[in-house]
């Protein structure tokens, strides 16, 4: 089943169950997908939808940090719930060993020797780990290997 149709079916299920919190999170996701489709005049495939979900997850994490710093824990809880819902549509996360192995392969494939070659390594690793790992952490690991 395509990801978009799965999300739509989950929305219908949440509507039938009168699960308003889950329904709201799914509708936000569908709105983001639809907005991107309208803006770019394309039909998003699963990889592009995963990219959109990843962006939304990053926004939620930033919001949680800001809400907690401001003492707005009730808003942070809402954002955490939305993260849980969105996380359900992401592919299974890559393990630390798998990430390290991909980084090692990319370093040897690109013949990277120092930090100046980081872009080459990221270009190889990013498509393989898109949606499966936090790219900020992957970037940090690559920097430590090349330093």
N, C-alpha and C. Protein backbone atom coordinates (compact mmCIF):
# COMPACT_ATOMS: atom_id res chain seq x y z
N UNK A 1 0.84 -1.18 0.00
CA UNK A 1 0.00 0.00 0.00
C UNK A 1 0.89 1.25 0.00
N UNK A 2 0.53 2.18 -0.84
CA UNK A 2 1.30 3.41 -0.87
C UNK A 2 1.13 4.17 0.43
N UNK A 3 2.13 4.93 0.77
CA UNK A 3 2.15 5.67 2.03
C UNK A 3 1.00 6.67 2.11
N UNK A 4 0.75 7.39 1.03
CA UNK A 4 -0.30 8.40 1.03
C UNK A 4 -1.68 7.77 1.26
N UNK A 5 -1.93 6.65 0.62
CA UNK A 5 -3.23 5.98 0.81
C UNK A 5 -3.33 5.40 2.22
N UNK A 6 -2.21 4.96 2.78
CA UNK A 6 -2.20 4.46 4.17
C UNK A 6 -2.54 5.59 5.15
N UNK A 7 -1.97 6.77 4.90
CA UNK A 7 -2.25 7.92 5.75
C UNK A 7 -3.72 8.30 5.66
N UNK A 8 -4.27 8.28 4.44
CA UNK A 8 -5.69 8.60 4.24
C UNK A 8 -6.59 7.59 4.96
N UNK A 9 -6.24 6.32 4.87
CA UNK A 9 -7.02 5.28 5.57
C UNK A 9 -6.95 5.47 7.08
N UNK A 10 -5.77 5.83 7.59
CA UNK A 10 -5.62 6.08 9.02
C UNK A 10 -6.46 7.28 9.46
N UNK A 11 -6.58 8.27 8.57
CA UNK A 11 -7.42 9.43 8.88
C UNK A 11 -8.88 8.99 9.01
N UNK A 12 -9.32 8.15 8.09
CA UNK A 12 -10.71 7.66 8.14
C UNK A 12 -10.95 6.84 9.40
N UNK A 13 -9.98 6.03 9.77
CA UNK A 13 -10.09 5.22 10.99
C UNK A 13 -10.18 6.11 12.22
N UNK A 14 -9.35 7.16 12.26
CA UNK A 14 -9.37 8.09 13.39
C UNK A 14 -10.71 8.84 13.45
N UNK A 15 -11.27 9.15 12.29
CA UNK A 15 -12.58 9.82 12.26
C UNK A 15 -13.66 8.91 12.83
N UNK A 16 -13.64 7.64 12.41
CA UNK A 16 -14.65 6.69 12.89
C UNK A 16 -14.52 6.47 14.40
N UNK A 17 -13.27 6.46 14.89
CA UNK A 17 -13.02 6.22 16.31
C UNK A 17 -13.18 7.50 17.14
N UNK A 18 -13.43 8.62 16.47
CA UNK A 18 -13.56 9.92 17.14
C UNK A 18 -12.31 10.26 17.97
N UNK A 19 -11.16 9.87 17.43
CA UNK A 19 -9.86 10.17 18.05
C UNK A 19 -9.38 11.51 17.52
N UNK A 20 -9.83 12.59 18.15
CA UNK A 20 -9.58 13.93 17.62
C UNK A 20 -8.11 14.32 17.63
N UNK A 21 -7.35 13.90 18.63
CA UNK A 21 -5.94 14.25 18.69
C UNK A 21 -5.18 13.61 17.52
N UNK A 22 -5.40 12.33 17.32
CA UNK A 22 -4.74 11.61 16.22
C UNK A 22 -5.21 12.16 14.87
N UNK A 23 -6.49 12.42 14.76
CA UNK A 23 -7.06 12.96 13.52
C UNK A 23 -6.42 14.30 13.18
N UNK A 24 -6.23 15.15 14.17
CA UNK A 24 -5.61 16.44 13.94
C UNK A 24 -4.19 16.31 13.42
N UNK A 25 -3.42 15.40 14.00
CA UNK A 25 -2.04 15.19 13.57
C UNK A 25 -1.98 14.65 12.14
N UNK A 26 -2.87 13.73 11.81
CA UNK A 26 -2.90 13.16 10.47
C UNK A 26 -3.34 14.21 9.45
N UNK A 27 -4.29 15.03 9.83
CA UNK A 27 -4.74 16.10 8.91
C UNK A 27 -3.62 17.11 8.66
N UNK A 28 -2.82 17.41 9.68
CA UNK A 28 -1.68 18.30 9.47
C UNK A 28 -0.71 17.71 8.45
N UNK A 29 -0.48 16.41 8.56
CA UNK A 29 0.41 15.73 7.63
C UNK A 29 -0.16 15.77 6.21
N UNK A 30 -1.43 15.44 6.06
CA UNK A 30 -2.05 15.46 4.74
C UNK A 30 -2.06 16.86 4.14
N UNK A 31 -2.24 17.86 4.99
CA UNK A 31 -2.22 19.25 4.50
C UNK A 31 -0.83 19.62 4.00
N UNK A 32 0.20 19.18 4.71
CA UNK A 32 1.57 19.47 4.29
C UNK A 32 1.88 18.79 2.96
N UNK A 33 1.41 17.56 2.81
CA UNK A 33 1.62 16.83 1.56
C UNK A 33 0.89 17.53 0.42
N UNK A 34 -0.36 17.87 0.65
CA UNK A 34 -1.17 18.53 -0.39
C UNK A 34 -0.57 19.88 -0.76
N UNK A 35 -0.10 20.63 0.22
CA UNK A 35 0.52 21.93 -0.05
C UNK A 35 1.73 21.79 -0.97
N UNK A 36 2.54 20.81 -0.68
CA UNK A 36 3.74 20.60 -1.51
C UNK A 36 3.35 20.16 -2.91
N UNK A 37 2.33 19.32 -3.02
CA UNK A 37 1.88 18.87 -4.33
C UNK A 37 1.34 20.04 -5.15
N UNK A 38 0.60 20.92 -4.52
CA UNK A 38 0.04 22.08 -5.22
C UNK A 38 1.15 23.05 -5.61
N UNK A 39 2.06 23.32 -4.68
CA UNK A 39 3.15 24.26 -4.95
C UNK A 39 4.03 23.80 -6.11
N UNK A 40 4.36 22.51 -6.12
CA UNK A 40 5.28 21.99 -7.11
C UNK A 40 4.58 21.36 -8.32
N UNK A 41 3.26 21.28 -8.25
CA UNK A 41 2.44 20.69 -9.32
C UNK A 41 2.89 19.28 -9.69
N UNK A 42 3.10 18.47 -8.66
CA UNK A 42 3.51 17.08 -8.86
C UNK A 42 2.72 16.20 -7.90
N UNK A 43 2.77 14.91 -8.13
CA UNK A 43 2.22 13.92 -7.21
C UNK A 43 3.39 13.36 -6.42
N UNK A 44 3.38 13.51 -5.11
CA UNK A 44 4.50 13.06 -4.29
C UNK A 44 4.55 11.54 -4.22
N UNK A 45 5.75 11.00 -4.35
CA UNK A 45 5.92 9.57 -4.15
C UNK A 45 6.29 9.32 -2.68
N UNK A 46 6.47 8.06 -2.32
CA UNK A 46 6.73 7.72 -0.92
C UNK A 46 7.99 8.38 -0.38
N UNK A 47 9.05 8.45 -1.18
CA UNK A 47 10.30 9.05 -0.71
C UNK A 47 10.11 10.54 -0.42
N UNK A 48 9.35 11.23 -1.25
CA UNK A 48 9.11 12.65 -1.05
C UNK A 48 8.19 12.87 0.16
N UNK A 49 7.26 11.96 0.38
CA UNK A 49 6.38 12.06 1.55
C UNK A 49 7.20 11.85 2.82
N UNK A 50 8.13 10.91 2.78
CA UNK A 50 9.00 10.66 3.94
C UNK A 50 9.84 11.90 4.24
N UNK A 51 10.30 12.58 3.19
CA UNK A 51 11.06 13.81 3.38
C UNK A 51 10.19 14.87 4.05
N UNK A 52 8.93 14.97 3.63
CA UNK A 52 8.00 15.93 4.24
C UNK A 52 7.74 15.58 5.71
N UNK A 53 7.59 14.31 6.00
CA UNK A 53 7.37 13.87 7.38
C UNK A 53 8.60 14.18 8.22
N UNK A 54 9.78 13.93 7.66
CA UNK A 54 11.03 14.20 8.37
C UNK A 54 11.13 15.69 8.72
N UNK A 55 10.75 16.54 7.78
CA UNK A 55 10.76 17.98 8.03
C UNK A 55 9.79 18.35 9.15
N UNK A 56 8.60 17.74 9.13
CA UNK A 56 7.62 18.01 10.18
C UNK A 56 8.13 17.53 11.54
N UNK A 57 8.80 16.39 11.56
CA UNK A 57 9.36 15.88 12.82
C UNK A 57 10.40 16.84 13.38
N UNK A 58 11.24 17.36 12.50
CA UNK A 58 12.26 18.31 12.94
C UNK A 58 11.60 19.57 13.51
N UNK A 59 10.55 20.06 12.86
CA UNK A 59 9.83 21.23 13.36
C UNK A 59 9.24 20.96 14.74
N UNK A 60 8.68 19.77 14.92
CA UNK A 60 8.09 19.41 16.21
C UNK A 60 9.14 19.36 17.30
N UNK A 61 10.31 18.81 17.00
CA UNK A 61 11.38 18.74 18.00
C UNK A 61 11.84 20.13 18.40
N UNK A 62 11.95 21.03 17.43
CA UNK A 62 12.33 22.41 17.73
C UNK A 62 11.26 23.07 18.61
N UNK A 63 10.00 22.83 18.29
CA UNK A 63 8.90 23.41 19.06
C UNK A 63 8.91 22.91 20.50
N UNK A 64 9.17 21.61 20.67
CA UNK A 64 9.21 21.04 22.01
C UNK A 64 10.28 21.73 22.85
N UNK A 65 11.45 21.93 22.28
CA UNK A 65 12.54 22.60 23.01
C UNK A 65 12.13 24.01 23.42
N UNK A 66 11.48 24.72 22.52
CA UNK A 66 11.05 26.08 22.82
C UNK A 66 9.94 26.11 23.86
N UNK A 67 8.97 25.20 23.74
CA UNK A 67 7.87 25.16 24.71
C UNK A 67 8.38 24.81 26.10
N UNK A 68 9.29 23.85 26.17
CA UNK A 68 9.82 23.46 27.48
C UNK A 68 10.64 24.58 28.10
N UNK A 69 11.38 25.31 27.27
CA UNK A 69 12.16 26.44 27.78
C UNK A 69 11.25 27.54 28.30
N UNK A 70 10.06 27.67 27.71
CA UNK A 70 9.11 28.70 28.12
C UNK A 70 8.17 28.21 29.22
N UNK A 71 8.31 26.94 29.62
CA UNK A 71 7.46 26.41 30.67
C UNK A 71 6.06 26.03 30.21
N UNK A 72 5.86 25.84 28.92
CA UNK A 72 4.56 25.48 28.36
C UNK A 72 4.51 23.97 28.11
N UNK A 73 4.49 23.20 29.18
CA UNK A 73 4.57 21.76 29.08
C UNK A 73 3.37 21.13 28.40
N UNK A 74 2.18 21.75 28.53
CA UNK A 74 0.98 21.19 27.88
C UNK A 74 1.12 21.26 26.35
N UNK A 75 1.73 22.32 25.85
CA UNK A 75 1.95 22.42 24.40
C UNK A 75 3.05 21.47 23.95
N UNK A 76 4.04 21.27 24.79
CA UNK A 76 5.11 20.32 24.47
C UNK A 76 4.54 18.90 24.39
N UNK A 77 3.59 18.56 25.25
CA UNK A 77 2.97 17.23 25.22
C UNK A 77 2.20 17.01 23.92
N UNK A 78 1.52 18.03 23.44
CA UNK A 78 0.79 17.94 22.17
C UNK A 78 1.78 17.66 21.03
N UNK A 79 2.88 18.38 21.04
CA UNK A 79 3.91 18.19 20.00
C UNK A 79 4.50 16.77 20.08
N UNK A 80 4.72 16.27 21.30
CA UNK A 80 5.26 14.91 21.47
C UNK A 80 4.29 13.87 20.92
N UNK A 81 2.99 14.09 21.14
CA UNK A 81 1.98 13.18 20.60
C UNK A 81 2.03 13.19 19.07
N UNK A 82 2.14 14.38 18.49
CA UNK A 82 2.21 14.49 17.03
C UNK A 82 3.46 13.79 16.49
N UNK A 83 4.57 13.88 17.22
CA UNK A 83 5.78 13.16 16.81
C UNK A 83 5.52 11.66 16.79
N UNK A 84 4.83 11.15 17.81
CA UNK A 84 4.52 9.72 17.86
C UNK A 84 3.69 9.29 16.66
N UNK A 85 2.70 10.11 16.30
CA UNK A 85 1.84 9.79 15.16
C UNK A 85 2.66 9.81 13.87
N UNK A 86 3.45 10.87 13.68
CA UNK A 86 4.24 10.99 12.46
C UNK A 86 5.31 9.90 12.36
N UNK A 87 5.89 9.53 13.49
CA UNK A 87 6.93 8.51 13.51
C UNK A 87 6.40 7.18 12.98
N UNK A 88 5.10 6.95 13.12
CA UNK A 88 4.50 5.71 12.64
C UNK A 88 4.56 5.55 11.13
N UNK A 89 4.77 6.63 10.40
CA UNK A 89 4.83 6.57 8.95
C UNK A 89 6.26 6.55 8.41
N UNK A 90 7.22 6.66 9.30
CA UNK A 90 8.62 6.66 8.88
C UNK A 90 9.11 5.21 8.77
N UNK A 91 10.09 4.98 7.88
CA UNK A 91 10.67 3.63 7.80
C UNK A 91 11.43 3.33 9.09
N UNK A 92 11.71 2.06 9.29
CA UNK A 92 12.41 1.65 10.51
C UNK A 92 13.76 2.35 10.58
N UNK A 93 14.08 2.87 11.75
CA UNK A 93 15.32 3.62 11.95
C UNK A 93 16.53 2.71 11.77
N UNK A 94 17.58 3.28 11.23
CA UNK A 94 18.83 2.55 11.04
C UNK A 94 19.55 2.44 12.38
N UNK A 95 20.16 1.30 12.62
CA UNK A 95 20.91 1.12 13.86
C UNK A 95 22.22 1.89 13.79
N UNK A 96 22.82 2.11 14.93
CA UNK A 96 24.10 2.83 14.98
C UNK A 96 25.17 2.08 14.19
N UNK A 97 25.17 0.77 14.28
CA UNK A 97 26.16 -0.03 13.54
C UNK A 97 25.95 0.11 12.03
N UNK A 98 24.69 0.13 11.61
CA UNK A 98 24.38 0.27 10.19
C UNK A 98 24.81 1.65 9.67
N UNK A 99 24.57 2.69 10.47
CA UNK A 99 24.98 4.04 10.10
C UNK A 99 26.50 4.10 9.98
N UNK A 100 27.20 3.55 10.96
CA UNK A 100 28.67 3.55 10.92
C UNK A 100 29.20 2.80 9.70
N UNK A 101 28.57 1.69 9.37
CA UNK A 101 28.99 0.91 8.21
C UNK A 101 28.80 1.70 6.91
N UNK A 102 27.66 2.37 6.78
CA UNK A 102 27.41 3.19 5.59
C UNK A 102 28.40 4.35 5.49
N UNK A 103 28.72 4.95 6.63
CA UNK A 103 29.70 6.04 6.64
C UNK A 103 31.06 5.52 6.20
N UNK A 104 31.47 4.36 6.72
CA UNK A 104 32.76 3.78 6.32
C UNK A 104 32.80 3.49 4.83
N UNK A 105 31.72 2.93 4.29
CA UNK A 105 31.65 2.64 2.87
C UNK A 105 31.74 3.92 2.04
N UNK A 106 31.03 4.96 2.49
CA UNK A 106 31.03 6.23 1.76
C UNK A 106 32.40 6.90 1.79
N UNK A 107 33.08 6.80 2.93
CA UNK A 107 34.43 7.40 3.04
C UNK A 107 35.39 6.69 2.09
N UNK A 108 35.33 5.37 2.04
CA UNK A 108 36.24 4.65 1.15
C UNK A 108 35.85 4.85 -0.31
N UNK A 109 34.55 4.92 -0.61
CA UNK A 109 34.11 5.11 -2.00
C UNK A 109 34.47 6.49 -2.54
N UNK A 110 34.43 7.49 -1.67
CA UNK A 110 34.73 8.85 -2.12
C UNK A 110 36.20 9.22 -1.92
N UNK A 111 36.97 8.32 -1.34
CA UNK A 111 38.38 8.56 -1.05
C UNK A 111 38.57 9.82 -0.21
N UNK A 112 37.68 10.00 0.75
CA UNK A 112 37.74 11.17 1.63
C UNK A 112 38.89 11.02 2.62
N UNK A 113 39.62 12.12 2.82
CA UNK A 113 40.76 12.07 3.74
C UNK A 113 40.66 13.11 4.84
N UNK A 114 39.99 14.23 4.58
CA UNK A 114 39.85 15.24 5.63
C UNK A 114 38.47 15.89 5.57
N UNK A 115 38.27 16.86 6.43
CA UNK A 115 36.97 17.49 6.60
C UNK A 115 36.49 18.18 5.32
N UNK A 116 37.40 18.54 4.43
CA UNK A 116 37.02 19.19 3.18
C UNK A 116 36.22 18.26 2.28
N UNK A 117 36.36 16.96 2.48
CA UNK A 117 35.66 15.97 1.66
C UNK A 117 34.32 15.55 2.25
N UNK A 118 33.89 16.25 3.28
CA UNK A 118 32.65 15.87 3.97
C UNK A 118 31.44 15.90 3.03
N UNK A 119 31.39 16.88 2.14
CA UNK A 119 30.27 16.98 1.21
C UNK A 119 30.13 15.76 0.32
N UNK A 120 31.26 15.21 -0.11
CA UNK A 120 31.23 14.00 -0.94
C UNK A 120 30.64 12.83 -0.16
N UNK A 121 31.05 12.71 1.08
CA UNK A 121 30.57 11.61 1.92
C UNK A 121 29.07 11.77 2.20
N UNK A 122 28.66 12.99 2.53
CA UNK A 122 27.24 13.24 2.80
C UNK A 122 26.39 12.96 1.57
N UNK A 123 26.90 13.28 0.38
CA UNK A 123 26.15 13.04 -0.86
C UNK A 123 25.88 11.56 -1.07
N UNK A 124 26.80 10.72 -0.61
CA UNK A 124 26.62 9.27 -0.74
C UNK A 124 25.70 8.73 0.35
N UNK A 125 25.88 9.21 1.57
CA UNK A 125 25.17 8.66 2.73
C UNK A 125 23.71 9.13 2.80
N UNK A 126 23.46 10.38 2.46
CA UNK A 126 22.14 10.98 2.65
C UNK A 126 21.01 10.20 1.96
N UNK A 127 21.12 9.83 0.69
CA UNK A 127 20.01 9.09 0.07
C UNK A 127 19.75 7.74 0.73
N UNK A 128 20.79 7.11 1.25
CA UNK A 128 20.63 5.80 1.86
C UNK A 128 20.00 5.87 3.25
N UNK A 129 20.18 7.00 3.93
CA UNK A 129 19.67 7.12 5.30
C UNK A 129 18.49 8.08 5.42
N UNK A 130 18.00 8.60 4.31
CA UNK A 130 16.90 9.57 4.36
C UNK A 130 15.70 8.98 5.09
N UNK A 131 15.30 9.65 6.15
CA UNK A 131 14.16 9.21 6.94
C UNK A 131 14.46 8.09 7.92
N UNK A 132 15.66 7.55 7.87
CA UNK A 132 16.00 6.44 8.75
C UNK A 132 16.95 6.83 9.86
N UNK A 133 17.53 8.04 9.76
CA UNK A 133 18.48 8.50 10.77
C UNK A 133 18.45 10.02 10.81
N UNK A 134 18.79 10.57 11.96
CA UNK A 134 18.88 12.02 12.11
C UNK A 134 20.15 12.47 11.40
N UNK A 135 19.99 13.24 10.33
CA UNK A 135 21.13 13.63 9.51
C UNK A 135 22.11 14.54 10.27
N UNK A 136 21.64 15.25 11.28
CA UNK A 136 22.55 16.07 12.08
C UNK A 136 23.52 15.18 12.85
N UNK A 137 23.02 14.08 13.38
CA UNK A 137 23.89 13.14 14.09
C UNK A 137 24.83 12.42 13.13
N UNK A 138 24.32 12.10 11.93
CA UNK A 138 25.16 11.46 10.93
C UNK A 138 26.29 12.41 10.54
N UNK A 139 25.96 13.67 10.35
CA UNK A 139 26.96 14.68 10.01
C UNK A 139 28.04 14.77 11.09
N UNK A 140 27.62 14.75 12.34
CA UNK A 140 28.57 14.80 13.45
C UNK A 140 29.49 13.60 13.44
N UNK A 141 28.94 12.42 13.15
CA UNK A 141 29.77 11.20 13.09
C UNK A 141 30.78 11.29 11.96
N UNK A 142 30.34 11.81 10.81
CA UNK A 142 31.25 11.93 9.68
C UNK A 142 32.38 12.91 10.01
N UNK A 143 32.03 14.03 10.64
CA UNK A 143 33.04 15.03 11.03
C UNK A 143 34.08 14.40 11.95
N UNK A 144 33.61 13.62 12.91
CA UNK A 144 34.57 13.01 13.85
C UNK A 144 35.47 11.99 13.16
N UNK A 145 34.97 11.30 12.15
CA UNK A 145 35.79 10.34 11.41
C UNK A 145 36.83 11.05 10.55
N UNK A 146 36.44 12.18 9.95
CA UNK A 146 37.34 12.86 9.02
C UNK A 146 38.29 13.82 9.71
N UNK A 147 38.03 14.13 10.99
CA UNK A 147 38.89 15.10 11.70
C UNK A 147 40.21 14.48 12.10
